[in-house]
């Protein structure tokens, strides 16, 4: 899991998230004072990802009802992240 110190720092971070698309490749960049990450993928196709807390996961991102839905799987565990825009701001 995530260590207590990393969890506390992560909770304080207010990252900038930049989502872009070039052809059929989507890129999500997350930038904060704590750590910067980027993932690039095709919707609906599984890809390998190293998360901000250094987990090695298999991810799939789909577009569902206007939200980007990301499912991460690792070590028999699973988490889902939903991102959508509301009034020009991202809600996760």
PDB file of N, CA and C in Angstrom:
ATOM      1  N   UNK A   1       0.806  -1.181   0.000  1.00  0.00           N
ATOM      2  CA  UNK A   1       0.000   0.000   0.000  1.00  0.00           C
ATOM      3  C   UNK A   1       0.854   1.251   0.000  1.00  0.00           C
ATOM      4  N   UNK A   2       0.210   2.341   0.232  1.00  0.00           N
ATOM      5  CA  UNK A   2       0.856   3.645   0.248  1.00  0.00           C
ATOM      6  C   UNK A   2       1.254   3.961   1.683  1.00  0.00           C
ATOM      7  N   UNK A   3       2.502   4.395   1.885  1.00  0.00           N
ATOM      8  CA  UNK A   3       2.970   4.757   3.210  1.00  0.00           C
ATOM      9  C   UNK A   3       2.240   5.975   3.751  1.00  0.00           C
ATOM     10  N   UNK A   4       2.232   6.114   5.063  1.00  0.00           N
ATOM     11  CA  UNK A   4       1.518   7.212   5.713  1.00  0.00           C
ATOM     12  C   UNK A   4       2.027   8.569   5.248  1.00  0.00           C
ATOM     13  N   UNK A   5       3.341   8.751   5.182  1.00  0.00           N
ATOM     14  CA  UNK A   5       3.899  10.047   4.765  1.00  0.00           C
ATOM     15  C   UNK A   5       3.479  10.380   3.336  1.00  0.00           C
ATOM     16  N   UNK A   6       3.572   9.402   2.436  1.00  0.00           N
ATOM     17  CA  UNK A   6       3.183   9.639   1.037  1.00  0.00           C
ATOM     18  C   UNK A   6       1.698   9.952   0.945  1.00  0.00           C
ATOM     19  N   UNK A   7       0.880   9.265   1.736  1.00  0.00           N
ATOM     20  CA  UNK A   7      -0.561   9.506   1.716  1.00  0.00           C
ATOM     21  C   UNK A   7      -0.875  10.927   2.191  1.00  0.00           C
ATOM     22  N   UNK A   8      -0.190  11.374   3.261  1.00  0.00           N
ATOM     23  CA  UNK A   8      -0.434  12.725   3.774  1.00  0.00           C
ATOM     24  C   UNK A   8       0.005  13.783   2.769  1.00  0.00           C
ATOM     25  N   UNK A   9       1.185  13.591   2.166  1.00  0.00           N
ATOM     26  CA  UNK A   9       1.653  14.540   1.150  1.00  0.00           C
ATOM     27  C   UNK A   9       0.733  14.538  -0.059  1.00  0.00           C
ATOM     28  N   UNK A  10       0.318  13.358  -0.485  1.00  0.00           N
ATOM     29  CA  UNK A  10      -0.584  13.258  -1.630  1.00  0.00           C
ATOM     30  C   UNK A  10      -1.908  13.945  -1.364  1.00  0.00           C
ATOM     31  N   UNK A  11      -2.384  13.867  -0.131  1.00  0.00           N
ATOM     32  CA  UNK A  11      -3.637  14.518   0.233  1.00  0.00           C
ATOM     33  C   UNK A  11      -3.546  16.027   0.205  1.00  0.00           C
ATOM     34  N   UNK A  12      -2.347  16.562   0.404  1.00  0.00           N
ATOM     35  CA  UNK A  12      -2.149  18.010   0.376  1.00  0.00           C
ATOM     36  C   UNK A  12      -1.963  18.543  -1.040  1.00  0.00           C
ATOM     37  N   UNK A  13      -1.494  17.698  -1.934  1.00  0.00           N
ATOM     38  CA  UNK A  13      -1.187  18.130  -3.305  1.00  0.00           C
ATOM     39  C   UNK A  13      -2.470  18.456  -4.053  1.00  0.00           C
ATOM     40  N   UNK A  14      -2.446  19.521  -4.810  1.00  0.00           N
ATOM     41  CA  UNK A  14      -3.532  19.898  -5.706  1.00  0.00           C
ATOM     42  C   UNK A  14      -2.946  19.912  -7.105  1.00  0.00           C
ATOM     43  N   UNK A  15      -2.886  18.744  -7.735  1.00  0.00           N
ATOM     44  CA  UNK A  15      -2.181  18.650  -9.012  1.00  0.00           C
ATOM     45  C   UNK A  15      -2.934  19.312 -10.157  1.00  0.00           C
ATOM     46  N   UNK A  16      -2.165  19.726 -11.162  1.00  0.00           N
ATOM     47  CA  UNK A  16      -2.730  20.143 -12.436  1.00  0.00           C
ATOM     48  C   UNK A  16      -2.820  18.892 -13.289  1.00  0.00           C
ATOM     49  N   UNK A  17      -3.959  18.667 -13.916  1.00  0.00           N
ATOM     50  CA  UNK A  17      -4.148  17.512 -14.787  1.00  0.00           C
ATOM     51  C   UNK A  17      -4.425  18.025 -16.189  1.00  0.00           C
ATOM     52  N   UNK A  18      -3.611  17.591 -17.139  1.00  0.00           N
ATOM     53  CA  UNK A  18      -3.739  18.017 -18.529  1.00  0.00           C
ATOM     54  C   UNK A  18      -4.074  16.787 -19.359  1.00  0.00           C
ATOM     55  N   UNK A  19      -5.229  16.813 -20.009  1.00  0.00           N
ATOM     56  CA  UNK A  19      -5.643  15.703 -20.864  1.00  0.00           C
ATOM     57  C   UNK A  19      -5.587  16.183 -22.302  1.00  0.00           C
ATOM     58  N   UNK A  20      -4.882  15.432 -23.145  1.00  0.00           N
ATOM     59  CA  UNK A  20      -4.770  15.803 -24.556  1.00  0.00           C
ATOM     60  C   UNK A  20      -4.971  14.558 -25.412  1.00  0.00           C
ATOM     61  N   UNK A  21      -5.252  14.802 -26.689  1.00  0.00           N
ATOM     62  CA  UNK A  21      -5.467  13.691 -27.608  1.00  0.00           C
ATOM     63  C   UNK A  21      -4.795  14.011 -28.924  1.00  0.00           C
ATOM     64  N   UNK A  22      -4.039  13.040 -29.442  1.00  0.00           N
ATOM     65  CA  UNK A  22      -3.388  13.173 -30.740  1.00  0.00           C
ATOM     66  C   UNK A  22      -3.723  11.909 -31.515  1.00  0.00           C
ATOM     67  N   UNK A  23      -4.549  12.050 -32.545  1.00  0.00           N
ATOM     68  CA  UNK A  23      -5.049  10.865 -33.233  1.00  0.00           C
ATOM     69  C   UNK A  23      -5.922  10.086 -32.274  1.00  0.00           C
ATOM     70  N   UNK A  24      -5.623   8.794 -32.097  1.00  0.00           N
ATOM     71  CA  UNK A  24      -6.401   7.981 -31.157  1.00  0.00           C
ATOM     72  C   UNK A  24      -5.653   7.722 -29.849  1.00  0.00           C
ATOM     73  N   UNK A  25      -4.574   8.472 -29.621  1.00  0.00           N
ATOM     74  CA  UNK A  25      -3.786   8.338 -28.388  1.00  0.00           C
ATOM     75  C   UNK A  25      -4.172   9.450 -27.409  1.00  0.00           C
ATOM     76  N   UNK A  26      -4.616   9.059 -26.227  1.00  0.00           N
ATOM     77  CA  UNK A  26      -4.957   9.999 -25.156  1.00  0.00           C
ATOM     78  C   UNK A  26      -3.774  10.062 -24.202  1.00  0.00           C
ATOM     79  N   UNK A  27      -3.418  11.268 -23.763  1.00  0.00           N
ATOM     80  CA  UNK A  27      -2.359  11.447 -22.766  1.00  0.00           C
ATOM     81  C   UNK A  27      -2.939  12.201 -21.578  1.00  0.00           C
ATOM     82  N   UNK A  28      -2.693  11.682 -20.386  1.00  0.00           N
ATOM     83  CA  UNK A  28      -3.067  12.366 -19.143  1.00  0.00           C
ATOM     84  C   UNK A  28      -1.783  12.672 -18.397  1.00  0.00           C
ATOM     85  N   UNK A  29      -1.480  13.967 -18.254  1.00  0.00           N
ATOM     86  CA  UNK A  29      -0.313  14.409 -17.478  1.00  0.00           C
ATOM     87  C   UNK A  29      -0.811  14.970 -16.155  1.00  0.00           C
ATOM     88  N   UNK A  30      -0.176  14.553 -15.078  1.00  0.00           N
ATOM     89  CA  UNK A  30      -0.497  15.057 -13.745  1.00  0.00           C
ATOM     90  C   UNK A  30       0.763  15.702 -13.192  1.00  0.00           C
ATOM     91  N   UNK A  31       0.657  16.992 -12.863  1.00  0.00           N
ATOM     92  CA  UNK A  31       1.822  17.751 -12.391  1.00  0.00           C
ATOM     93  C   UNK A  31       1.521  18.353 -11.029  1.00  0.00           C
ATOM     94  N   UNK A  32       2.413  18.093 -10.067  1.00  0.00           N
ATOM     95  CA  UNK A  32       2.273  18.679  -8.730  1.00  0.00           C
ATOM     96  C   UNK A  32       3.660  18.903  -8.156  1.00  0.00           C
ATOM     97  N   UNK A  33       3.723  19.567  -7.023  1.00  0.00           N
ATOM     98  CA  UNK A  33       5.012  19.769  -6.360  1.00  0.00           C
ATOM     99  C   UNK A  33       5.540  18.447  -5.826  1.00  0.00           C
ATOM    100  N   UNK A  34       4.651  17.461  -5.632  1.00  0.00           N
ATOM    101  CA  UNK A  34       5.024  16.159  -5.091  1.00  0.00           C
ATOM    102  C   UNK A  34       5.642  15.266  -6.160  1.00  0.00           C
ATOM    103  N   UNK A  35       4.985  15.152  -7.335  1.00  0.00           N
ATOM    104  CA  UNK A  35       5.471  14.267  -8.390  1.00  0.00           C
ATOM    105  C   UNK A  35       4.722  14.557  -9.684  1.00  0.00           C
ATOM    106  N   UNK A  36       5.412  14.376 -10.809  1.00  0.00           N
ATOM    107  CA  UNK A  36       4.792  14.508 -12.122  1.00  0.00           C
ATOM    108  C   UNK A  36       4.686  13.127 -12.751  1.00  0.00           C
ATOM    109  N   UNK A  37       3.544  12.842 -13.365  1.00  0.00           N
ATOM    110  CA  UNK A  37       3.362  11.570 -14.057  1.00  0.00           C
ATOM    111  C   UNK A  37       2.675  11.817 -15.389  1.00  0.00           C
ATOM    112  N   UNK A  38       2.798  10.858 -16.290  1.00  0.00           N
ATOM    113  CA  UNK A  38       2.096  10.926 -17.573  1.00  0.00           C
ATOM    114  C   UNK A  38       1.800   9.512 -18.038  1.00  0.00           C
ATOM    115  N   UNK A  39       0.607   9.329 -18.592  1.00  0.00           N
ATOM    116  CA  UNK A  39       0.259   8.059 -19.217  1.00  0.00           C
ATOM    117  C   UNK A  39      -0.314   8.358 -20.593  1.00  0.00           C
ATOM    118  N   UNK A  40      -0.013   7.503 -21.546  1.00  0.00           N
ATOM    119  CA  UNK A  40      -0.569   7.606 -22.896  1.00  0.00           C
ATOM    120  C   UNK A  40      -1.169   6.254 -23.248  1.00  0.00           C
ATOM    121  N   UNK A  41      -2.325   6.275 -23.900  1.00  0.00           N
ATOM    122  CA  UNK A  41      -3.046   5.030 -24.147  1.00  0.00           C
ATOM    123  C   UNK A  41      -4.102   5.233 -25.231  1.00  0.00           C
ATOM    124  N   UNK A  42      -4.627   4.106 -25.717  1.00  0.00           N
ATOM    125  CA  UNK A  42      -5.787   4.101 -26.600  1.00  0.00           C
ATOM    126  C   UNK A  42      -6.984   3.678 -25.762  1.00  0.00           C
ATOM    127  N   UNK A  43      -8.113   4.349 -25.932  1.00  0.00           N
ATOM    128  CA  UNK A  43      -9.311   4.003 -25.176  1.00  0.00           C
ATOM    129  C   UNK A  43      -9.657   2.528 -25.384  1.00  0.00           C
ATOM    130  N   UNK A  44      -9.964   1.847 -24.286  1.00  0.00           N
ATOM    131  CA  UNK A  44     -10.400   0.463 -24.338  1.00  0.00           C
ATOM    132  C   UNK A  44      -9.290  -0.565 -24.447  1.00  0.00           C
ATOM    133  N   UNK A  45      -8.037  -0.128 -24.556  1.00  0.00           N
ATOM    134  CA  UNK A  45      -6.921  -1.070 -24.673  1.00  0.00           C
ATOM    135  C   UNK A  45      -6.080  -1.077 -23.394  1.00  0.00           C
ATOM    136  N   UNK A  46      -5.779  -2.269 -22.897  1.00  0.00           N
ATOM    137  CA  UNK A  46      -4.975  -2.401 -21.680  1.00  0.00           C
ATOM    138  C   UNK A  46      -3.548  -1.918 -21.914  1.00  0.00           C
ATOM    139  N   UNK A  47      -2.981  -1.269 -20.891  1.00  0.00           N
ATOM    140  CA  UNK A  47      -1.589  -0.825 -20.952  1.00  0.00           C
ATOM    141  C   UNK A  47      -0.958  -0.951 -19.572  1.00  0.00           C
ATOM    142  N   UNK A  48       0.378  -1.010 -19.555  1.00  0.00           N
ATOM    143  CA  UNK A  48       1.131  -1.061 -18.302  1.00  0.00           C
ATOM    144  C   UNK A  48       1.337   0.355 -17.794  1.00  0.00           C
ATOM    145  N   UNK A  49       1.188   0.537 -16.492  1.00  0.00           N
ATOM    146  CA  UNK A  49       1.337   1.861 -15.884  1.00  0.00           C
ATOM    147  C   UNK A  49       2.098   1.734 -14.575  1.00  0.00           C
ATOM    148  N   UNK A  50       2.965   2.695 -14.311  1.00  0.00           N
ATOM    149  CA  UNK A  50       3.575   2.848 -12.992  1.00  0.00           C
ATOM    150  C   UNK A  50       2.912   4.063 -12.366  1.00  0.00           C
ATOM    151  N   UNK A  51       2.206   3.863 -11.266  1.00  0.00           N
ATOM    152  CA  UNK A  51       1.426   4.930 -10.646  1.00  0.00           C
ATOM    153  C   UNK A  51       2.327   5.902  -9.879  1.00  0.00           C
ATOM    154  N   UNK A  52       1.745   7.003  -9.435  1.00  0.00           N
ATOM    155  CA  UNK A  52       2.497   8.018  -8.690  1.00  0.00           C
ATOM    156  C   UNK A  52       3.102   7.439  -7.412  1.00  0.00           C
ATOM    157  N   UNK A  53       2.466   6.398  -6.855  1.00  0.00           N
ATOM    158  CA  UNK A  53       3.018   5.754  -5.653  1.00  0.00           C
ATOM    159  C   UNK A  53       3.811   4.493  -6.007  1.00  0.00           C
ATOM    160  N   UNK A  54       4.271   4.410  -7.261  1.00  0.00           N
ATOM    161  CA  UNK A  54       5.175   3.368  -7.766  1.00  0.00           C
ATOM    162  C   UNK A  54       4.593   1.958  -7.817  1.00  0.00           C
ATOM    163  N   UNK A  55       3.266   1.831  -7.882  1.00  0.00           N
ATOM    164  CA  UNK A  55       2.681   0.513  -8.123  1.00  0.00           C
ATOM    165  C   UNK A  55       2.767   0.209  -9.618  1.00  0.00           C
ATOM    166  N   UNK A  56       2.999  -1.054  -9.957  1.00  0.00           N
ATOM    167  CA  UNK A  56       2.980  -1.519 -11.347  1.00  0.00           C
ATOM    168  C   UNK A  56       1.601  -2.119 -11.580  1.00  0.00           C
ATOM    169  N   UNK A  57       0.809  -1.487 -12.447  1.00  0.00           N
ATOM    170  CA  UNK A  57      -0.569  -1.920 -12.658  1.00  0.00           C
ATOM    171  C   UNK A  57      -0.844  -2.131 -14.141  1.00  0.00           C
ATOM    172  N   UNK A  58      -1.918  -2.865 -14.411  1.00  0.00           N
ATOM    173  CA  UNK A  58      -2.485  -2.978 -15.752  1.00  0.00           C
ATOM    174  C   UNK A  58      -3.706  -2.067 -15.743  1.00  0.00           C
ATOM    175  N   UNK A  59      -3.766  -1.125 -16.685  1.00  0.00           N
ATOM    176  CA  UNK A  59      -4.868  -0.172 -16.728  1.00  0.00           C
ATOM    177  C   UNK A  59      -5.632  -0.272 -18.033  1.00  0.00           C
ATOM    178  N   UNK A  60      -6.925   0.049 -17.956  1.00  0.00           N
ATOM    179  CA  UNK A  60      -7.769   0.223 -19.134  1.00  0.00           C
ATOM    180  C   UNK A  60      -8.595   1.473 -18.879  1.00  0.00           C
ATOM    181  N   UNK A  61      -8.645   2.377 -19.869  1.00  0.00           N
ATOM    182  CA  UNK A  61      -9.441   3.597 -19.758  1.00  0.00           C
ATOM    183  C   UNK A  61     -10.517   3.559 -20.833  1.00  0.00           C
ATOM    184  N   UNK A  62     -11.755   3.835 -20.423  1.00  0.00           N
ATOM    185  CA  UNK A  62     -12.873   3.892 -21.359  1.00  0.00           C
ATOM    186  C   UNK A  62     -13.595   5.225 -21.188  1.00  0.00           C
ATOM    187  N   UNK A  63     -14.403   5.577 -22.162  1.00  0.00           N
ATOM    188  CA  UNK A  63     -15.234   6.779 -22.090  1.00  0.00           C
ATOM    189  C   UNK A  63     -16.664   6.315 -21.861  1.00  0.00           C
ATOM    190  N   UNK A  64     -17.231   6.689 -20.706  1.00  0.00           N
ATOM    191  CA  UNK A  64     -18.579   6.256 -20.340  1.00  0.00           C
ATOM    192  C   UNK A  64     -19.390   7.457 -19.876  1.00  0.00           C
ATOM    193  N   UNK A  65     -20.457   7.768 -20.609  1.00  0.00           N
ATOM    194  CA  UNK A  65     -21.367   8.865 -20.252  1.00  0.00           C
ATOM    195  C   UNK A  65     -20.614  10.156 -19.974  1.00  0.00           C
ATOM    196  N   UNK A  66     -19.637  10.481 -20.817  1.00  0.00           N
ATOM    197  CA  UNK A  66     -18.899  11.733 -20.684  1.00  0.00           C
ATOM    198  C   UNK A  66     -17.782  11.718 -19.655  1.00  0.00           C
ATOM    199  N   UNK A  67     -17.528  10.568 -19.027  1.00  0.00           N
ATOM    200  CA  UNK A  67     -16.447  10.457 -18.043  1.00  0.00           C
ATOM    201  C   UNK A  67     -15.370   9.511 -18.558  1.00  0.00           C
ATOM    202  N   UNK A  68     -14.103   9.845 -18.263  1.00  0.00           N
ATOM    203  CA  UNK A  68     -13.017   8.900 -18.496  1.00  0.00           C
ATOM    204  C   UNK A  68     -12.981   7.976 -17.285  1.00  0.00           C
ATOM    205  N   UNK A  69     -13.134   6.679 -17.509  1.00  0.00           N
ATOM    206  CA  UNK A  69     -13.154   5.700 -16.424  1.00  0.00           C
ATOM    207  C   UNK A  69     -11.916   4.823 -16.561  1.00  0.00           C
ATOM    208  N   UNK A  70     -11.050   4.873 -15.550  1.00  0.00           N
ATOM    209  CA  UNK A  70      -9.801   4.117 -15.557  1.00  0.00           C
ATOM    210  C   UNK A  70      -9.874   3.023 -14.503  1.00  0.00           C
ATOM    211  N   UNK A  71      -9.623   1.784 -14.930  1.00  0.00           N
ATOM    212  CA  UNK A  71      -9.578   0.650 -14.006  1.00  0.00           C
ATOM    213  C   UNK A  71      -8.135   0.169 -13.942  1.00  0.00           C
ATOM    214  N   UNK A  72      -7.583   0.151 -12.729  1.00  0.00           N
ATOM    215  CA  UNK A  72      -6.213  -0.322 -12.492  1.00  0.00           C
ATOM    216  C   UNK A  72      -6.292  -1.649 -11.746  1.00  0.00           C
ATOM    217  N   UNK A  73      -5.504  -2.642 -12.212  1.00  0.00           N
ATOM    218  CA  UNK A  73      -5.459  -3.947 -11.544  1.00  0.00           C
ATOM    219  C   UNK A  73      -4.019  -4.296 -11.231  1.00  0.00           C
ATOM    220  N   UNK A  74      -3.800  -4.815 -10.003  1.00  0.00           N
ATOM    221  CA  UNK A  74      -2.469  -5.238  -9.560  1.00  0.00           C
ATOM    222  C   UNK A  74      -2.626  -6.175  -8.371  1.00  0.00           C
ATOM    223  N   UNK A  75      -1.800  -7.198  -8.327  1.00  0.00           N
ATOM    224  CA  UNK A  75      -1.742  -8.134  -7.188  1.00  0.00           C
ATOM    225  C   UNK A  75      -3.126  -8.568  -6.696  1.00  0.00           C
ATOM    226  N   UNK A  76      -4.043  -8.862  -7.601  1.00  0.00           N
ATOM    227  CA  UNK A  76      -5.380  -9.294  -7.208  1.00  0.00           C
ATOM    228  C   UNK A  76      -6.270  -8.179  -6.695  1.00  0.00           C
ATOM    229  N   UNK A  77      -5.816  -6.930  -6.791  1.00  0.00           N
ATOM    230  CA  UNK A  77      -6.589  -5.775  -6.330  1.00  0.00           C
ATOM    231  C   UNK A  77      -7.052  -4.971  -7.537  1.00  0.00           C
ATOM    232  N   UNK A  78      -8.025  -4.101  -7.311  1.00  0.00           N
ATOM    233  CA  UNK A  78      -8.552  -3.276  -8.395  1.00  0.00           C
ATOM    234  C   UNK A  78      -9.025  -1.936  -7.844  1.00  0.00           C
ATOM    235  N   UNK A  79      -8.786  -0.878  -8.600  1.00  0.00           N
ATOM    236  CA  UNK A  79      -9.317   0.433  -8.247  1.00  0.00           C
ATOM    237  C   UNK A  79      -9.858   1.091  -9.507  1.00  0.00           C
ATOM    238  N   UNK A  80     -10.862   1.936  -9.339  1.00  0.00           N
ATOM    239  CA  UNK A  80     -11.478   2.643 -10.460  1.00  0.00           C
ATOM    240  C   UNK A  80     -11.382   4.141 -10.213  1.00  0.00           C
ATOM    241  N   UNK A  81     -10.931   4.874 -11.227  1.00  0.00           N
ATOM    242  CA  UNK A  81     -10.825   6.334 -11.162  1.00  0.00           C
ATOM    243  C   UNK A  81     -11.730   6.900 -12.244  1.00  0.00           C
ATOM    244  N   UNK A  82     -12.663   7.770 -11.857  1.00  0.00           N
ATOM    245  CA  UNK A  82     -13.552   8.414 -12.827  1.00  0.00           C
ATOM    246  C   UNK A  82     -13.211   9.898 -12.880  1.00  0.00           C
ATOM    247  N   UNK A  83     -12.994  10.393 -14.100  1.00  0.00           N
ATOM    248  CA  UNK A  83     -12.683  11.810 -14.294  1.00  0.00           C
ATOM    249  C   UNK A  83     -13.732  12.405 -15.221  1.00  0.00           C
ATOM    250  N   UNK A  84     -14.287  13.573 -14.835  1.00  0.00           N
ATOM    251  CA  UNK A  84     -15.224  14.271 -15.712  1.00  0.00           C
ATOM    252  C   UNK A  84     -15.107  15.770 -15.483  1.00  0.00           C
ATOM    253  N   UNK A  85     -15.526  16.522 -16.479  1.00  0.00           N
ATOM    254  CA  UNK A  85     -15.500  17.976 -16.370  1.00  0.00           C
ATOM    255  C   UNK A  85     -16.862  18.480 -15.918  1.00  0.00           C
ATOM    256  N   UNK A  86     -16.857  19.354 -14.909  1.00  0.00           N
ATOM    257  CA  UNK A  86     -18.063  20.006 -14.424  1.00  0.00           C
ATOM    258  C   UNK A  86     -17.750  21.486 -14.308  1.00  0.00           C
ATOM    259  N   UNK A  87     -18.460  22.313 -15.059  1.00  0.00           N
ATOM    260  CA  UNK A  87     -18.231  23.765 -15.052  1.00  0.00           C
ATOM    261  C   UNK A  87     -16.765  24.104 -15.295  1.00  0.00           C
ATOM    262  N   UNK A  88     -16.125  23.392 -16.225  1.00  0.00           N
ATOM    263  CA  UNK A  88     -14.744  23.676 -16.598  1.00  0.00           C
ATOM    264  C   UNK A  88     -13.704  23.154 -15.625  1.00  0.00           C
ATOM    265  N   UNK A  89     -14.128  22.441 -14.575  1.00  0.00           N
ATOM    266  CA  UNK A  89     -13.179  21.889 -13.602  1.00  0.00           C
ATOM    267  C   UNK A  89     -13.301  20.373 -13.588  1.00  0.00           C
ATOM    268  N   UNK A  90     -12.164  19.716 -13.374  1.00  0.00           N
ATOM    269  CA  UNK A  90     -12.179  18.263 -13.336  1.00  0.00           C
ATOM    270  C   UNK A  90     -12.638  17.769 -11.977  1.00  0.00           C
ATOM    271  N   UNK A  91     -13.548  16.804 -12.015  1.00  0.00           N
ATOM    272  CA  UNK A  91     -14.018  16.133 -10.809  1.00  0.00           C
ATOM    273  C   UNK A  91     -13.537  14.695 -10.902  1.00  0.00           C
ATOM    274  N   UNK A  92     -12.844  14.220  -9.848  1.00  0.00           N
ATOM    275  CA  UNK A  92     -12.315  12.849  -9.844  1.00  0.00           C
ATOM    276  C   UNK A  92     -13.043  12.056  -8.786  1.00  0.00           C
TER     277      UNK A  92
END
